[in-house]
């Protein structure tokens, strides 16, 4: 994951909230499917892995959303997810989407 892919500093670490916002913003689901999506995300295996990822955060670190450039998605090598940033450097990442 490249530092220049960082797009948005996040104020929450709640995976269900972040994932539903990500899927809605990408157009992968619509508002009418959001409730089902939230229920599925809360029950799936990812929240456990997410909790492990977030547990590694230390005071002063930031959580950012990242997404690779459009050209990587066009050639089916795109990815998006979340990164823990310390003093401007990415120290860990959690991939939530791949093309």
N, C-alpha and C. Protein backbone atom coordinates (compact mmCIF):
# COMPACT_ATOMS: atom_id res chain seq x y z
N UNK A 1 0.83 -1.17 0.00
CA UNK A 1 0.00 0.00 0.00
C UNK A 1 0.88 1.24 0.00
N UNK A 2 0.63 2.15 -0.92
CA UNK A 2 1.45 3.34 -1.04
C UNK A 2 0.85 4.51 -0.28
N UNK A 3 1.70 5.28 0.34
CA UNK A 3 1.25 6.42 1.15
C UNK A 3 0.43 7.41 0.33
N UNK A 4 0.77 7.60 -0.95
CA UNK A 4 0.04 8.56 -1.78
C UNK A 4 -1.38 8.10 -2.11
N UNK A 5 -1.71 6.87 -1.77
CA UNK A 5 -3.08 6.36 -1.98
C UNK A 5 -4.02 6.79 -0.85
N UNK A 6 -3.48 7.30 0.24
CA UNK A 6 -4.33 7.71 1.36
C UNK A 6 -5.30 8.79 0.90
N UNK A 7 -6.58 8.59 1.23
CA UNK A 7 -7.59 9.53 0.75
C UNK A 7 -8.34 10.27 1.84
N UNK A 8 -8.60 9.61 2.96
CA UNK A 8 -9.45 10.23 3.97
C UNK A 8 -9.09 9.75 5.36
N UNK A 9 -8.81 10.71 6.25
CA UNK A 9 -8.57 10.36 7.64
C UNK A 9 -9.92 10.05 8.29
N UNK A 10 -9.99 8.95 9.03
CA UNK A 10 -11.25 8.49 9.60
C UNK A 10 -11.33 8.81 11.09
N UNK A 11 -12.54 9.05 11.55
CA UNK A 11 -12.76 9.41 12.95
C UNK A 11 -13.32 8.25 13.77
N UNK A 12 -13.62 7.13 13.13
CA UNK A 12 -14.16 5.97 13.83
C UNK A 12 -13.36 4.73 13.45
N UNK A 13 -13.39 3.73 14.31
CA UNK A 13 -12.76 2.45 14.00
C UNK A 13 -13.81 1.35 13.88
N UNK A 14 -15.09 1.73 13.85
CA UNK A 14 -16.18 0.75 13.76
C UNK A 14 -16.24 0.20 12.33
N UNK A 15 -15.90 -1.08 12.17
CA UNK A 15 -15.81 -1.68 10.85
C UNK A 15 -17.14 -1.69 10.11
N UNK A 16 -18.23 -2.00 10.77
CA UNK A 16 -19.52 -2.08 10.09
C UNK A 16 -19.89 -0.72 9.49
N UNK A 17 -19.68 0.35 10.25
CA UNK A 17 -19.97 1.69 9.75
C UNK A 17 -19.08 2.03 8.57
N UNK A 18 -17.78 1.78 8.70
CA UNK A 18 -16.84 2.12 7.63
C UNK A 18 -17.10 1.31 6.37
N UNK A 19 -17.31 0.01 6.52
CA UNK A 19 -17.52 -0.85 5.36
C UNK A 19 -18.81 -0.51 4.63
N UNK A 20 -19.88 -0.22 5.37
CA UNK A 20 -21.13 0.13 4.70
C UNK A 20 -20.99 1.45 3.95
N UNK A 21 -20.29 2.43 4.53
CA UNK A 21 -20.05 3.70 3.84
C UNK A 21 -19.22 3.48 2.59
N UNK A 22 -18.21 2.60 2.68
CA UNK A 22 -17.34 2.33 1.53
C UNK A 22 -18.13 1.71 0.39
N UNK A 23 -18.94 0.71 0.69
CA UNK A 23 -19.71 0.03 -0.35
C UNK A 23 -20.77 0.95 -0.95
N UNK A 24 -21.39 1.78 -0.13
CA UNK A 24 -22.37 2.74 -0.63
C UNK A 24 -21.71 3.76 -1.55
N UNK A 25 -20.55 4.27 -1.14
CA UNK A 25 -19.87 5.30 -1.94
C UNK A 25 -19.35 4.76 -3.26
N UNK A 26 -19.02 3.47 -3.29
CA UNK A 26 -18.53 2.85 -4.52
C UNK A 26 -19.67 2.42 -5.44
N UNK A 27 -20.90 2.54 -4.96
CA UNK A 27 -22.05 2.13 -5.76
C UNK A 27 -22.27 0.64 -5.81
N UNK A 28 -21.63 -0.10 -4.89
CA UNK A 28 -21.77 -1.56 -4.88
C UNK A 28 -23.07 -2.01 -4.23
N UNK A 29 -23.67 -1.16 -3.44
CA UNK A 29 -25.00 -1.42 -2.87
C UNK A 29 -25.75 -0.09 -2.89
N UNK A 30 -27.06 -0.17 -2.75
CA UNK A 30 -27.84 1.06 -2.67
C UNK A 30 -28.44 1.20 -1.28
N UNK A 31 -29.05 2.33 -1.03
CA UNK A 31 -29.60 2.61 0.30
C UNK A 31 -30.61 1.56 0.74
N UNK A 32 -31.37 0.99 -0.19
CA UNK A 32 -32.39 0.02 0.19
C UNK A 32 -31.77 -1.29 0.67
N UNK A 33 -30.56 -1.58 0.24
CA UNK A 33 -29.88 -2.81 0.66
C UNK A 33 -29.02 -2.61 1.90
N UNK A 34 -28.96 -1.38 2.40
CA UNK A 34 -28.03 -1.07 3.49
C UNK A 34 -28.30 -1.88 4.76
N UNK A 35 -29.55 -2.06 5.15
CA UNK A 35 -29.85 -2.79 6.39
C UNK A 35 -29.34 -4.23 6.31
N UNK A 36 -29.62 -4.90 5.19
CA UNK A 36 -29.12 -6.27 5.01
C UNK A 36 -27.60 -6.29 5.04
N UNK A 37 -27.00 -5.32 4.41
CA UNK A 37 -25.54 -5.21 4.39
C UNK A 37 -24.98 -5.09 5.80
N UNK A 38 -25.55 -4.20 6.59
CA UNK A 38 -25.09 -4.00 7.96
C UNK A 38 -25.20 -5.27 8.78
N UNK A 39 -26.32 -5.97 8.64
CA UNK A 39 -26.50 -7.23 9.38
C UNK A 39 -25.48 -8.27 8.95
N UNK A 40 -25.24 -8.37 7.65
CA UNK A 40 -24.26 -9.33 7.14
C UNK A 40 -22.84 -9.01 7.58
N UNK A 41 -22.48 -7.74 7.55
CA UNK A 41 -21.14 -7.34 7.98
C UNK A 41 -20.91 -7.64 9.45
N UNK A 42 -21.93 -7.41 10.25
CA UNK A 42 -21.80 -7.63 11.69
C UNK A 42 -21.62 -9.11 12.02
N UNK A 43 -22.14 -10.01 11.18
CA UNK A 43 -22.08 -11.45 11.45
C UNK A 43 -20.91 -12.15 10.76
N UNK A 44 -20.32 -11.51 9.76
CA UNK A 44 -19.28 -12.15 8.96
C UNK A 44 -17.96 -12.31 9.68
N UNK A 45 -16.98 -12.96 9.00
CA UNK A 45 -15.67 -13.20 9.62
C UNK A 45 -14.78 -11.97 9.71
N UNK A 46 -15.03 -10.97 8.89
CA UNK A 46 -14.15 -9.81 8.83
C UNK A 46 -14.09 -9.01 10.13
N UNK A 47 -15.18 -8.82 10.87
CA UNK A 47 -15.06 -8.04 12.11
C UNK A 47 -14.01 -8.59 13.08
N UNK A 48 -13.82 -9.89 13.14
CA UNK A 48 -12.79 -10.45 14.02
C UNK A 48 -11.39 -10.05 13.57
N UNK A 49 -11.15 -10.14 12.26
CA UNK A 49 -9.84 -9.72 11.72
C UNK A 49 -9.65 -8.22 11.89
N UNK A 50 -10.75 -7.48 11.74
CA UNK A 50 -10.69 -6.02 11.91
C UNK A 50 -10.30 -5.66 13.34
N UNK A 51 -10.90 -6.33 14.30
CA UNK A 51 -10.58 -6.04 15.71
C UNK A 51 -9.10 -6.29 15.99
N UNK A 52 -8.54 -7.35 15.41
CA UNK A 52 -7.10 -7.62 15.58
C UNK A 52 -6.28 -6.49 14.97
N UNK A 53 -6.68 -6.03 13.79
CA UNK A 53 -5.98 -4.94 13.10
C UNK A 53 -6.02 -3.67 13.95
N UNK A 54 -7.20 -3.28 14.41
CA UNK A 54 -7.37 -2.05 15.19
C UNK A 54 -6.65 -2.13 16.53
N UNK A 55 -6.60 -3.32 17.11
CA UNK A 55 -5.92 -3.49 18.40
C UNK A 55 -4.45 -3.12 18.33
N UNK A 56 -3.87 -3.14 17.15
CA UNK A 56 -2.45 -2.80 17.01
C UNK A 56 -2.20 -1.29 17.05
N UNK A 57 -3.28 -0.50 16.94
CA UNK A 57 -3.12 0.96 16.97
C UNK A 57 -2.63 1.44 18.33
N UNK A 58 -1.73 2.39 18.30
CA UNK A 58 -1.20 2.99 19.51
C UNK A 58 -1.66 4.44 19.60
N UNK A 59 -1.63 5.03 20.78
CA UNK A 59 -2.02 6.43 20.92
C UNK A 59 -1.25 7.32 19.94
N UNK A 60 -1.96 8.25 19.31
CA UNK A 60 -1.34 9.17 18.37
C UNK A 60 -1.36 8.69 16.93
N UNK A 61 -1.67 7.41 16.70
CA UNK A 61 -1.75 6.90 15.34
C UNK A 61 -3.10 7.25 14.73
N UNK A 62 -3.15 7.29 13.40
CA UNK A 62 -4.36 7.66 12.69
C UNK A 62 -4.83 6.51 11.82
N UNK A 63 -6.14 6.47 11.58
CA UNK A 63 -6.74 5.49 10.68
C UNK A 63 -7.17 6.23 9.42
N UNK A 64 -6.72 5.73 8.25
CA UNK A 64 -7.03 6.36 6.98
C UNK A 64 -7.66 5.35 6.03
N UNK A 65 -8.55 5.84 5.15
CA UNK A 65 -9.07 5.04 4.04
C UNK A 65 -8.10 5.23 2.88
N UNK A 66 -7.78 4.15 2.18
CA UNK A 66 -6.93 4.27 1.00
C UNK A 66 -7.59 3.59 -0.20
N UNK A 67 -7.22 4.05 -1.38
CA UNK A 67 -7.70 3.45 -2.62
C UNK A 67 -6.64 3.68 -3.69
N UNK A 68 -6.29 2.61 -4.40
CA UNK A 68 -5.30 2.74 -5.46
C UNK A 68 -5.90 3.53 -6.63
N UNK A 69 -5.06 4.08 -7.50
CA UNK A 69 -5.54 4.90 -8.62
C UNK A 69 -6.43 4.12 -9.59
N UNK A 70 -7.24 4.88 -10.33
CA UNK A 70 -8.18 4.30 -11.30
C UNK A 70 -7.50 3.35 -12.27
N UNK A 71 -6.32 3.69 -12.73
CA UNK A 71 -5.65 2.83 -13.72
C UNK A 71 -5.36 1.43 -13.17
N UNK A 72 -5.17 1.31 -11.86
CA UNK A 72 -4.95 -0.03 -11.29
C UNK A 72 -6.24 -0.85 -11.31
N UNK A 73 -7.38 -0.17 -11.13
CA UNK A 73 -8.68 -0.87 -11.19
C UNK A 73 -8.99 -1.27 -12.63
N UNK A 74 -8.60 -0.42 -13.59
CA UNK A 74 -8.85 -0.71 -15.01
C UNK A 74 -8.15 -1.97 -15.48
N UNK A 75 -7.01 -2.29 -14.87
CA UNK A 75 -6.26 -3.50 -15.27
C UNK A 75 -6.40 -4.63 -14.24
N UNK A 76 -7.46 -4.52 -13.43
CA UNK A 76 -7.81 -5.53 -12.43
C UNK A 76 -6.70 -5.80 -11.42
N UNK A 77 -6.03 -4.72 -11.00
CA UNK A 77 -5.04 -4.85 -9.94
C UNK A 77 -5.25 -3.79 -8.85
N UNK A 78 -6.45 -3.26 -8.79
CA UNK A 78 -6.76 -2.22 -7.81
C UNK A 78 -7.03 -2.80 -6.43
N UNK A 79 -6.86 -1.96 -5.43
CA UNK A 79 -7.20 -2.36 -4.07
C UNK A 79 -7.58 -1.12 -3.26
N UNK A 80 -8.34 -1.37 -2.20
CA UNK A 80 -8.75 -0.31 -1.29
C UNK A 80 -8.84 -0.90 0.10
N UNK A 81 -8.82 -0.04 1.09
CA UNK A 81 -8.91 -0.53 2.46
C UNK A 81 -8.56 0.56 3.45
N UNK A 82 -7.92 0.15 4.52
CA UNK A 82 -7.66 1.03 5.64
C UNK A 82 -6.20 0.89 6.05
N UNK A 83 -5.63 2.01 6.49
CA UNK A 83 -4.22 2.02 6.89
C UNK A 83 -4.05 2.70 8.23
N UNK A 84 -3.15 2.17 9.03
CA UNK A 84 -2.75 2.82 10.27
C UNK A 84 -1.51 3.64 9.94
N UNK A 85 -1.58 4.93 10.29
CA UNK A 85 -0.50 5.87 9.95
C UNK A 85 0.09 6.44 11.23
N UNK A 86 1.41 6.38 11.31
CA UNK A 86 2.15 6.95 12.45
C UNK A 86 3.14 7.97 11.92
N UNK A 87 2.99 9.21 12.37
CA UNK A 87 3.90 10.29 11.97
C UNK A 87 4.04 10.37 10.46
N UNK A 88 2.92 10.24 9.75
CA UNK A 88 2.92 10.36 8.29
C UNK A 88 3.31 9.13 7.52
N UNK A 89 3.67 8.06 8.20
CA UNK A 89 4.10 6.82 7.53
C UNK A 89 3.09 5.71 7.78
N UNK A 90 2.77 4.97 6.72
CA UNK A 90 1.88 3.82 6.85
C UNK A 90 2.65 2.70 7.55
N UNK A 91 2.07 2.19 8.63
CA UNK A 91 2.75 1.11 9.35
C UNK A 91 2.02 -0.23 9.22
N UNK A 92 0.73 -0.17 8.82
CA UNK A 92 -0.04 -1.40 8.68
C UNK A 92 -1.25 -1.10 7.80
N UNK A 93 -1.73 -2.13 7.07
CA UNK A 93 -2.91 -1.92 6.24
C UNK A 93 -3.83 -3.13 6.29
N UNK A 94 -5.10 -2.86 5.95
CA UNK A 94 -6.16 -3.86 5.97
C UNK A 94 -6.91 -3.70 4.64
N UNK A 95 -6.76 -4.64 3.73
CA UNK A 95 -7.39 -4.56 2.43
C UNK A 95 -8.84 -5.03 2.53
N UNK A 96 -9.75 -4.18 2.04
CA UNK A 96 -11.17 -4.52 2.08
C UNK A 96 -11.76 -4.78 0.71
N UNK A 97 -11.09 -4.33 -0.37
CA UNK A 97 -11.57 -4.56 -1.74
C UNK A 97 -10.40 -4.77 -2.68
N UNK A 98 -10.63 -5.65 -3.63
CA UNK A 98 -9.66 -5.89 -4.73
C UNK A 98 -10.43 -6.03 -6.02
N UNK A 99 -9.79 -5.62 -7.12
CA UNK A 99 -10.45 -5.80 -8.41
C UNK A 99 -9.92 -7.06 -9.09
